[in-house]
């Protein structure tokens, strides 16, 4: 065995995080690693404590690398440095600015991020919006936690893609379905009539898109409106969840993101067998589902 990889997830109650776990477990086995999986259940302090415990126990567990899907980006900066100081490789499974800083301090250590192009995700959301409502309108975007750079960049990409002609309403949630439902419900309680509803609701993941859908259905029921009239888009796009929701008509569209845990483990294996150091940032492709050409008003 090449040693143990620690995989530290935001939660196990999210489709994308479960995919990170499943792919990570499969690829660890394929490449000759044991794997330790921990879930922070969206508690940033808990995630830091889990990682610090793993670093402390590294000699006994034969830990060689840490993969982390951060609850809050900057909370992981000090433990990424501690991992590198302890001789461990570090792969972040989302976007964060601190990766460049820590890598510059440890240029010969595999400190890197495996992430989808977050700005491109926002631009695809913008393309979906334009395909659905045309060149102008109102858009409500339910973001992930804005202490995560990935959420900030997705919102930036949306704004870039909708430059001119669109009013964008921003609601901040916590990557969960219930958090998104509550955010939209609070907003909806303040509007005067259904005329104030946006033409499209954009959610930063498919879990939140379901929460948005529930809030919109509750609003429609209270106002005696058609309950399935809202166009809602999400992100993550697994075949068994996000794409299924689109096929069932519960979402209008999603963005397909590949889980980065497998690619990260492939790089860790290359580091351990050949000494090849990965680039600071390994970008994974993203695509619209369905294709933009198949979306319509």
Foldseek 3Di string as FASTA:
>chain_A
DLFEEEEEEQACPDPLRVLLVVLLCVLCVVLVHHYHYYYPPLPQVSSLVVLVVCLVCCVVRVYAEYEYAHSFAVSCLVSCLVCVVSNHAYEYAEDDPSLVVSCVVVVLGQRAYEYAQLLVQLLVVLLLVCQAPNLAWEEEEEFAAPSGVSRVNSVVSVCVNNPPRYHYHYFYAHPALQRLLVRLLVVLVPDDDPVPDTQEYEYAAQRVQNSNLVNQQVSCVVVVHPSLRYAYEHEQDDPVGRLVCCVVSVHVKYKHDDRRSSVVVVQVSCCSPPVDHDPRYHHDYMAIVPHSVPGHD
